[in-house]
mmCIF file of all heavy atoms, coordinates in Angstrom:
data_MODEL
# 
_entry.id   MODEL 
# 
loop_
_atom_site.group_PDB 
_atom_site.id 
_atom_site.type_symbol 
_atom_site.label_atom_id 
_atom_site.label_alt_id 
_atom_site.label_comp_id 
_atom_site.label_asym_id 
_atom_site.label_entity_id 
_atom_site.label_seq_id 
_atom_site.pdbx_PDB_ins_code 
_atom_site.Cartn_x 
_atom_site.Cartn_y 
_atom_site.Cartn_z 
_atom_site.occupancy 
_atom_site.B_iso_or_equiv 
_atom_site.pdbx_formal_charge 
_atom_site.auth_seq_id 
_atom_site.auth_comp_id 
_atom_site.auth_asym_id 
_atom_site.auth_atom_id 
_atom_site.pdbx_PDB_model_num 
ATOM 1   N N   . ILE A 1 1  ? 0.863  -1.187  0.002  1.00 0.00 ? 1  ILE A N   1 
ATOM 2   C CA  . ILE A 1 1  ? 0.001  -0.004  0.001  1.00 0.00 ? 1  ILE A CA  1 
ATOM 3   C C   . ILE A 1 1  ? 0.899  1.240   0.001  1.00 0.00 ? 1  ILE A C   1 
ATOM 4   O O   . ILE A 1 1  ? 2.081  1.156   0.336  1.00 0.00 ? 1  ILE A O   1 
ATOM 5   C CB  . ILE A 1 1  ? -0.936 0.011   1.232  1.00 0.00 ? 1  ILE A CB  1 
ATOM 6   C CG1 . ILE A 1 1  ? -0.126 -0.141  2.531  1.00 0.00 ? 1  ILE A CG1 1 
ATOM 7   C CG2 . ILE A 1 1  ? -1.984 -1.102  1.118  1.00 0.00 ? 1  ILE A CG2 1 
ATOM 8   C CD1 . ILE A 1 1  ? -0.968 -0.087  3.807  1.00 0.00 ? 1  ILE A CD1 1 
ATOM 9   N N   . PRO A 1 2  ? 0.363  2.412   -0.362 1.00 0.00 ? 2  PRO A N   1 
ATOM 10  C CA  . PRO A 1 2  ? 1.209  3.612   -0.376 1.00 0.00 ? 2  PRO A CA  1 
ATOM 11  C C   . PRO A 1 2  ? 1.843  3.907   0.984  1.00 0.00 ? 2  PRO A C   1 
ATOM 12  O O   . PRO A 1 2  ? 2.979  4.407   1.040  1.00 0.00 ? 2  PRO A O   1 
ATOM 13  C CB  . PRO A 1 2  ? 0.227  4.727   -0.792 1.00 0.00 ? 2  PRO A CB  1 
ATOM 14  C CG  . PRO A 1 2  ? -0.812 4.013   -1.588 1.00 0.00 ? 2  PRO A CG  1 
ATOM 15  C CD  . PRO A 1 2  ? -0.981 2.675   -0.945 1.00 0.00 ? 2  PRO A CD  1 
ATOM 16  N N   . GLN A 1 3  ? 1.144  3.603   2.074  1.00 0.00 ? 3  GLN A N   1 
ATOM 17  C CA  . GLN A 1 3  ? 1.715  3.854   3.401  1.00 0.00 ? 3  GLN A CA  1 
ATOM 18  C C   . GLN A 1 3  ? 3.031  3.101   3.599  1.00 0.00 ? 3  GLN A C   1 
ATOM 19  O O   . GLN A 1 3  ? 3.920  3.571   4.320  1.00 0.00 ? 3  GLN A O   1 
ATOM 20  C CB  . GLN A 1 3  ? 0.721  3.461   4.496  1.00 0.00 ? 3  GLN A CB  1 
ATOM 21  C CG  . GLN A 1 3  ? -0.539 4.307   4.533  1.00 0.00 ? 3  GLN A CG  1 
ATOM 22  C CD  . GLN A 1 3  ? -1.677 3.717   3.740  1.00 0.00 ? 3  GLN A CD  1 
ATOM 23  O OE1 . GLN A 1 3  ? -1.458 3.152   2.668  1.00 0.00 ? 3  GLN A OE1 1 
ATOM 24  N NE2 . GLN A 1 3  ? -2.892 3.824   4.267  1.00 0.00 ? 3  GLN A NE2 1 
ATOM 25  N N   . ALA A 1 4  ? 3.160  1.928   2.974  1.00 0.00 ? 4  ALA A N   1 
ATOM 26  C CA  . ALA A 1 4  ? 4.401  1.173   3.106  1.00 0.00 ? 4  ALA A CA  1 
ATOM 27  C C   . ALA A 1 4  ? 5.563  1.923   2.471  1.00 0.00 ? 4  ALA A C   1 
ATOM 28  O O   . ALA A 1 4  ? 6.671  2.013   3.051  1.00 0.00 ? 4  ALA A O   1 
ATOM 29  C CB  . ALA A 1 4  ? 4.248  -0.210  2.462  1.00 0.00 ? 4  ALA A CB  1 
ATOM 30  N N   . ALA A 1 5  ? 5.355  2.483   1.277  1.00 0.00 ? 5  ALA A N   1 
ATOM 31  C CA  . ALA A 1 5  ? 6.401  3.244   0.612  1.00 0.00 ? 5  ALA A CA  1 
ATOM 32  C C   . ALA A 1 5  ? 6.750  4.504   1.405  1.00 0.00 ? 5  ALA A C   1 
ATOM 33  O O   . ALA A 1 5  ? 7.927  4.863   1.558  1.00 0.00 ? 5  ALA A O   1 
ATOM 34  C CB  . ALA A 1 5  ? 5.979  3.608   -0.804 1.00 0.00 ? 5  ALA A CB  1 
ATOM 35  N N   . VAL A 1 6  ? 5.734  5.181   1.934  1.00 0.00 ? 6  VAL A N   1 
ATOM 36  C CA  . VAL A 1 6  ? 5.977  6.385   2.748  1.00 0.00 ? 6  VAL A CA  1 
ATOM 37  C C   . VAL A 1 6  ? 6.812  6.025   3.984  1.00 0.00 ? 6  VAL A C   1 
ATOM 38  O O   . VAL A 1 6  ? 7.777  6.730   4.318  1.00 0.00 ? 6  VAL A O   1 
ATOM 39  C CB  . VAL A 1 6  ? 4.641  7.030   3.153  1.00 0.00 ? 6  VAL A CB  1 
ATOM 40  C CG1 . VAL A 1 6  ? 4.863  8.142   4.178  1.00 0.00 ? 6  VAL A CG1 1 
ATOM 41  C CG2 . VAL A 1 6  ? 3.918  7.589   1.931  1.00 0.00 ? 6  VAL A CG2 1 
ATOM 42  N N   . ALA A 1 7  ? 6.444  4.925   4.634  1.00 0.00 ? 7  ALA A N   1 
ATOM 43  C CA  . ALA A 1 7  ? 7.166  4.535   5.858  1.00 0.00 ? 7  ALA A CA  1 
ATOM 44  C C   . ALA A 1 7  ? 8.604  4.155   5.548  1.00 0.00 ? 7  ALA A C   1 
ATOM 45  O O   . ALA A 1 7  ? 9.526  4.510   6.296  1.00 0.00 ? 7  ALA A O   1 
ATOM 46  C CB  . ALA A 1 7  ? 6.433  3.378   6.531  1.00 0.00 ? 7  ALA A CB  1 
ATOM 47  N N   . LEU A 1 8  ? 8.827  3.431   4.442  1.00 0.00 ? 8  LEU A N   1 
ATOM 48  C CA  . LEU A 1 8  ? 10.203 3.089   4.048  1.00 0.00 ? 8  LEU A CA  1 
ATOM 49  C C   . LEU A 1 8  ? 11.011 4.352   3.810  1.00 0.00 ? 8  LEU A C   1 
ATOM 50  O O   . LEU A 1 8  ? 12.140 4.491   4.317  1.00 0.00 ? 8  LEU A O   1 
ATOM 51  C CB  . LEU A 1 8  ? 10.184 2.233   2.778  1.00 0.00 ? 8  LEU A CB  1 
ATOM 52  C CG  . LEU A 1 8  ? 11.503 2.173   1.993  1.00 0.00 ? 8  LEU A CG  1 
ATOM 53  C CD1 . LEU A 1 8  ? 12.613 1.537   2.810  1.00 0.00 ? 8  LEU A CD1 1 
ATOM 54  C CD2 . LEU A 1 8  ? 11.324 1.443   0.670  1.00 0.00 ? 8  LEU A CD2 1 
ATOM 55  N N   . LEU A 1 9  ? 10.473 5.286   3.033  1.00 0.00 ? 9  LEU A N   1 
ATOM 56  C CA  . LEU A 1 9  ? 11.250 6.480   2.673  1.00 0.00 ? 9  LEU A CA  1 
ATOM 57  C C   . LEU A 1 9  ? 11.502 7.369   3.884  1.00 0.00 ? 9  LEU A C   1 
ATOM 58  O O   . LEU A 1 9  ? 12.578 7.974   4.008  1.00 0.00 ? 9  LEU A O   1 
ATOM 59  C CB  . LEU A 1 9  ? 10.530 7.242   1.557  1.00 0.00 ? 9  LEU A CB  1 
ATOM 60  C CG  . LEU A 1 9  ? 10.427 6.476   0.228  1.00 0.00 ? 9  LEU A CG  1 
ATOM 61  C CD1 . LEU A 1 9  ? 9.581  7.260   -0.772 1.00 0.00 ? 9  LEU A CD1 1 
ATOM 62  C CD2 . LEU A 1 9  ? 11.796 6.166   -0.331 1.00 0.00 ? 9  LEU A CD2 1 
ATOM 63  N N   . ALA A 1 10 ? 10.542 7.455   4.801  1.00 0.00 ? 10 ALA A N   1 
ATOM 64  C CA  . ALA A 1 10 ? 10.770 8.246   6.013  1.00 0.00 ? 10 ALA A CA  1 
ATOM 65  C C   . ALA A 1 10 ? 11.830 7.600   6.891  1.00 0.00 ? 10 ALA A C   1 
ATOM 66  O O   . ALA A 1 10 ? 12.683 8.290   7.477  1.00 0.00 ? 10 ALA A O   1 
ATOM 67  C CB  . ALA A 1 10 ? 9.459  8.401   6.785  1.00 0.00 ? 10 ALA A CB  1 
ATOM 68  N N   . THR A 1 11 ? 11.788 6.272   6.985  1.00 0.00 ? 11 THR A N   1 
ATOM 69  C CA  . THR A 1 11 ? 12.804 5.549   7.768  1.00 0.00 ? 11 THR A CA  1 
ATOM 70  C C   . THR A 1 11 ? 14.186 5.794   7.173  1.00 0.00 ? 11 THR A C   1 
ATOM 71  O O   . THR A 1 11 ? 15.160 6.067   7.899  1.00 0.00 ? 11 THR A O   1 
ATOM 72  C CB  . THR A 1 11 ? 12.476 4.042   7.762  1.00 0.00 ? 11 THR A CB  1 
ATOM 73  O OG1 . THR A 1 11 ? 11.201 3.831   8.382  1.00 0.00 ? 11 THR A OG1 1 
ATOM 74  C CG2 . THR A 1 11 ? 13.549 3.251   8.504  1.00 0.00 ? 11 THR A CG2 1 
ATOM 75  N N   . ALA A 1 12 ? 14.285 5.673   5.843  1.00 0.00 ? 12 ALA A N   1 
ATOM 76  C CA  . ALA A 1 12 ? 15.571 5.907   5.189  1.00 0.00 ? 12 ALA A CA  1 
ATOM 77  C C   . ALA A 1 12 ? 16.020 7.352   5.332  1.00 0.00 ? 12 ALA A C   1 
ATOM 78  O O   . ALA A 1 12 ? 17.217 7.630   5.479  1.00 0.00 ? 12 ALA A O   1 
ATOM 79  C CB  . ALA A 1 12 ? 15.472 5.532   3.706  1.00 0.00 ? 12 ALA A CB  1 
ATOM 80  N N   . ALA A 1 13 ? 15.074 8.293   5.294  1.00 0.00 ? 13 ALA A N   1 
ATOM 81  C CA  . ALA A 1 13 ? 15.424 9.711   5.391  1.00 0.00 ? 13 ALA A CA  1 
ATOM 82  C C   . ALA A 1 13 ? 16.141 10.020  6.704  1.00 0.00 ? 13 ALA A C   1 
ATOM 83  O O   . ALA A 1 13 ? 17.026 10.878  6.747  1.00 0.00 ? 13 ALA A O   1 
ATOM 84  C CB  . ALA A 1 13 ? 14.175 10.571  5.247  1.00 0.00 ? 13 ALA A CB  1 
ATOM 85  N N   . VAL A 1 14 ? 15.752 9.333   7.790  1.00 0.00 ? 14 VAL A N   1 
ATOM 86  C CA  . VAL A 1 14 ? 16.402 9.605   9.084  1.00 0.00 ? 14 VAL A CA  1 
ATOM 87  C C   . VAL A 1 14 ? 17.630 8.714   9.303  1.00 0.00 ? 14 VAL A C   1 
ATOM 88  O O   . VAL A 1 14 ? 18.283 8.831   10.327 1.00 0.00 ? 14 VAL A O   1 
ATOM 89  C CB  . VAL A 1 14 ? 15.412 9.443   10.255 1.00 0.00 ? 14 VAL A CB  1 
ATOM 90  C CG1 . VAL A 1 14 ? 14.200 10.348  10.076 1.00 0.00 ? 14 VAL A CG1 1 
ATOM 91  C CG2 . VAL A 1 14 ? 14.968 8.000   10.443 1.00 0.00 ? 14 VAL A CG2 1 
ATOM 92  N N   . GLY A 1 15 ? 17.907 7.807   8.340  1.00 0.00 ? 15 GLY A N   1 
ATOM 93  C CA  . GLY A 1 15 ? 19.074 6.936   8.478  1.00 0.00 ? 15 GLY A CA  1 
ATOM 94  C C   . GLY A 1 15 ? 18.820 5.694   9.296  1.00 0.00 ? 15 GLY A C   1 
ATOM 95  O O   . GLY A 1 15 ? 19.767 4.963   9.640  1.00 0.00 ? 15 GLY A O   1 
ATOM 96  N N   . ALA A 1 16 ? 17.557 5.433   9.650  1.00 0.00 ? 16 ALA A N   1 
ATOM 97  C CA  . ALA A 1 16 ? 17.230 4.199   10.356 1.00 0.00 ? 16 ALA A CA  1 
ATOM 98  C C   . ALA A 1 16 ? 17.187 3.048   9.359  1.00 0.00 ? 16 ALA A C   1 
ATOM 99  O O   . ALA A 1 16 ? 17.230 3.248   8.137  1.00 0.00 ? 16 ALA A O   1 
ATOM 100 C CB  . ALA A 1 16 ? 15.907 4.345   11.091 1.00 0.00 ? 16 ALA A CB  1 
ATOM 101 N N   . VAL A 1 17 ? 17.093 1.818   9.870  1.00 0.00 ? 17 VAL A N   1 
ATOM 102 C CA  . VAL A 1 17 ? 17.191 0.615   9.038  1.00 0.00 ? 17 VAL A CA  1 
ATOM 103 C C   . VAL A 1 17 ? 15.807 -0.012  8.919  1.00 0.00 ? 17 VAL A C   1 
ATOM 104 O O   . VAL A 1 17 ? 15.187 -0.372  9.924  1.00 0.00 ? 17 VAL A O   1 
ATOM 105 C CB  . VAL A 1 17 ? 18.186 -0.399  9.646  1.00 0.00 ? 17 VAL A CB  1 
ATOM 106 C CG1 . VAL A 1 17 ? 18.340 -1.612  8.723  1.00 0.00 ? 17 VAL A CG1 1 
ATOM 107 C CG2 . VAL A 1 17 ? 19.538 0.268   9.907  1.00 0.00 ? 17 VAL A CG2 1 
ATOM 108 N N   . TRP A 1 18 ? 15.326 -0.183  7.714  1.00 0.00 ? 18 TRP A N   1 
ATOM 109 C CA  . TRP A 1 18 ? 13.976 -0.672  7.429  1.00 0.00 ? 18 TRP A CA  1 
ATOM 110 C C   . TRP A 1 18 ? 13.961 -2.195  7.325  1.00 0.00 ? 18 TRP A C   1 
ATOM 111 O O   . TRP A 1 18 ? 14.896 -2.811  6.806  1.00 0.00 ? 18 TRP A O   1 
ATOM 112 C CB  . TRP A 1 18 ? 13.513 -0.077  6.109  1.00 0.00 ? 18 TRP A CB  1 
ATOM 113 C CG  . TRP A 1 18 ? 12.260 -0.667  5.515  1.00 0.00 ? 18 TRP A CG  1 
ATOM 114 C CD1 . TRP A 1 18 ? 12.165 -1.670  4.598  1.00 0.00 ? 18 TRP A CD1 1 
ATOM 115 C CD2 . TRP A 1 18 ? 10.913 -0.248  5.788  1.00 0.00 ? 18 TRP A CD2 1 
ATOM 116 N NE1 . TRP A 1 18 ? 10.859 -1.909  4.280  1.00 0.00 ? 18 TRP A NE1 1 
ATOM 117 C CE2 . TRP A 1 18 ? 10.067 -1.047  4.984  1.00 0.00 ? 18 TRP A CE2 1 
ATOM 118 C CE3 . TRP A 1 18 ? 10.351 0.722   6.609  1.00 0.00 ? 18 TRP A CE3 1 
ATOM 119 C CZ2 . TRP A 1 18 ? 8.668  -0.909  4.998  1.00 0.00 ? 18 TRP A CZ2 1 
ATOM 120 C CZ3 . TRP A 1 18 ? 8.968  0.857   6.624  1.00 0.00 ? 18 TRP A CZ3 1 
ATOM 121 C CH2 . TRP A 1 18 ? 8.151  0.059   5.835  1.00 0.00 ? 18 TRP A CH2 1 
ATOM 122 N N   . THR A 1 19 ? 12.889 -2.817  7.775  1.00 0.00 ? 19 THR A N   1 
ATOM 123 C CA  . THR A 1 19 ? 12.647 -4.223  7.513  1.00 0.00 ? 19 THR A CA  1 
ATOM 124 C C   . THR A 1 19 ? 11.147 -4.463  7.505  1.00 0.00 ? 19 THR A C   1 
ATOM 125 O O   . THR A 1 19 ? 10.422 -3.813  8.274  1.00 0.00 ? 19 THR A O   1 
ATOM 126 C CB  . THR A 1 19 ? 13.358 -5.117  8.523  1.00 0.00 ? 19 THR A CB  1 
ATOM 127 O OG1 . THR A 1 19 ? 13.319 -6.480  8.079  1.00 0.00 ? 19 THR A OG1 1 
ATOM 128 C CG2 . THR A 1 19 ? 12.742 -5.030  9.923  1.00 0.00 ? 19 THR A CG2 1 
ATOM 129 N N   . SER A 1 20 ? 10.654 -5.337  6.624  1.00 0.00 ? 20 SER A N   1 
ATOM 130 C CA  . SER A 1 20 ? 9.206  -5.503  6.497  1.00 0.00 ? 20 SER A CA  1 
ATOM 131 C C   . SER A 1 20 ? 8.817  -6.940  6.303  1.00 0.00 ? 20 SER A C   1 
ATOM 132 O O   . SER A 1 20 ? 9.592  -7.754  5.794  1.00 0.00 ? 20 SER A O   1 
ATOM 133 C CB  . SER A 1 20 ? 8.680  -4.650  5.328  1.00 0.00 ? 20 SER A CB  1 
ATOM 134 O OG  . SER A 1 20 ? 9.236  -5.075  4.093  1.00 0.00 ? 20 SER A OG  1 
ATOM 135 N N   . CYS A 1 21 ? 7.588  -7.242  6.699  1.00 0.00 ? 21 CYS A N   1 
ATOM 136 C CA  . CYS A 1 21 ? 6.935  -8.517  6.438  1.00 0.00 ? 21 CYS A CA  1 
ATOM 137 C C   . CYS A 1 21 ? 5.516  -8.231  5.969  1.00 0.00 ? 21 CYS A C   1 
ATOM 138 O O   . CYS A 1 21 ? 4.863  -7.294  6.440  1.00 0.00 ? 21 CYS A O   1 
ATOM 139 C CB  . CYS A 1 21 ? 6.872  -9.387  7.698  1.00 0.00 ? 21 CYS A CB  1 
ATOM 140 S SG  . CYS A 1 21 ? 8.437  -10.147 8.182  1.00 0.00 ? 21 CYS A SG  1 
ATOM 141 N N   . ALA A 1 22 ? 5.033  -9.050  5.067  1.00 0.00 ? 22 ALA A N   1 
ATOM 142 C CA  . ALA A 1 22 ? 3.644  -8.933  4.616  1.00 0.00 ? 22 ALA A CA  1 
ATOM 143 C C   . ALA A 1 22 ? 2.706  -9.446  5.707  1.00 0.00 ? 22 ALA A C   1 
ATOM 144 O O   . ALA A 1 22 ? 3.063  -10.351 6.465  1.00 0.00 ? 22 ALA A O   1 
ATOM 145 C CB  . ALA A 1 22 ? 3.440  -9.721  3.342  1.00 0.00 ? 22 ALA A CB  1 
ATOM 146 N N   . PRO A 1 23 ? 1.482  -8.917  5.793  1.00 0.00 ? 23 PRO A N   1 
ATOM 147 C CA  . PRO A 1 23 ? 0.583  -9.313  6.880  1.00 0.00 ? 23 PRO A CA  1 
ATOM 148 C C   . PRO A 1 23 ? -0.024 -10.711 6.728  1.00 0.00 ? 23 PRO A C   1 
ATOM 149 O O   . PRO A 1 23 ? -0.750 -11.144 7.611  1.00 0.00 ? 23 PRO A O   1 
ATOM 150 C CB  . PRO A 1 23 ? -0.508 -8.234  6.860  1.00 0.00 ? 23 PRO A CB  1 
ATOM 151 C CG  . PRO A 1 23 ? -0.473 -7.693  5.483  1.00 0.00 ? 23 PRO A CG  1 
ATOM 152 C CD  . PRO A 1 23 ? 0.940  -7.787  5.019  1.00 0.00 ? 23 PRO A CD  1 
ATOM 153 N N   . ASP A 1 24 ? 0.272  -11.396 5.629  1.00 0.00 ? 24 ASP A N   1 
ATOM 154 C CA  . ASP A 1 24 ? -0.133 -12.802 5.590  1.00 0.00 ? 24 ASP A CA  1 
ATOM 155 C C   . ASP A 1 24 ? 0.866  -13.697 6.326  1.00 0.00 ? 24 ASP A C   1 
ATOM 156 O O   . ASP A 1 24 ? 0.607  -14.884 6.529  1.00 0.00 ? 24 ASP A O   1 
ATOM 157 C CB  . ASP A 1 24 ? -0.331 -13.278 4.140  1.00 0.00 ? 24 ASP A CB  1 
ATOM 158 C CG  . ASP A 1 24 ? 0.891  -13.078 3.272  1.00 0.00 ? 24 ASP A CG  1 
ATOM 159 O OD1 . ASP A 1 24 ? 1.781  -12.304 3.655  1.00 0.00 ? 24 ASP A OD1 1 
ATOM 160 O OD2 . ASP A 1 24 ? 0.948  -13.695 2.190  1.00 0.00 ? 24 ASP A OD2 1 
ATOM 161 N N   . PHE A 1 25 ? 2.004  -13.142 6.749  1.00 0.00 ? 25 PHE A N   1 
ATOM 162 C CA  . PHE A 1 25 ? 2.920  -13.873 7.604  1.00 0.00 ? 25 PHE A CA  1 
ATOM 163 C C   . PHE A 1 25 ? 2.285  -14.009 8.990  1.00 0.00 ? 25 PHE A C   1 
ATOM 164 O O   . PHE A 1 25 ? 1.748  -13.051 9.544  1.00 0.00 ? 25 PHE A O   1 
ATOM 165 C CB  . PHE A 1 25 ? 4.246  -13.108 7.773  1.00 0.00 ? 25 PHE A CB  1 
ATOM 166 C CG  . PHE A 1 25 ? 5.174  -13.168 6.586  1.00 0.00 ? 25 PHE A CG  1 
ATOM 167 C CD1 . PHE A 1 25 ? 4.695  -13.289 5.290  1.00 0.00 ? 25 PHE A CD1 1 
ATOM 168 C CD2 . PHE A 1 25 ? 6.543  -13.084 6.774  1.00 0.00 ? 25 PHE A CD2 1 
ATOM 169 C CE1 . PHE A 1 25 ? 5.559  -13.317 4.202  1.00 0.00 ? 25 PHE A CE1 1 
ATOM 170 C CE2 . PHE A 1 25 ? 7.414  -13.123 5.704  1.00 0.00 ? 25 PHE A CE2 1 
ATOM 171 C CZ  . PHE A 1 25 ? 6.926  -13.234 4.409  1.00 0.00 ? 25 PHE A CZ  1 
ATOM 172 N N   . GLY A 1 26 ? 2.377  -15.196 9.554  1.00 0.00 ? 26 GLY A N   1 
ATOM 173 C CA  . GLY A 1 26 ? 1.933  -15.391 10.922 1.00 0.00 ? 26 GLY A CA  1 
ATOM 174 C C   . GLY A 1 26 ? 2.909  -14.808 11.920 1.00 0.00 ? 26 GLY A C   1 
ATOM 175 O O   . GLY A 1 26 ? 4.043  -14.440 11.587 1.00 0.00 ? 26 GLY A O   1 
# 
């Protein structure tokens, strides 16, 4: 979803490290 891209780019903008899982993961 667009919120995922926004969250990734904001995380990268501050120099933090991003990691994600899809919500079908248990």
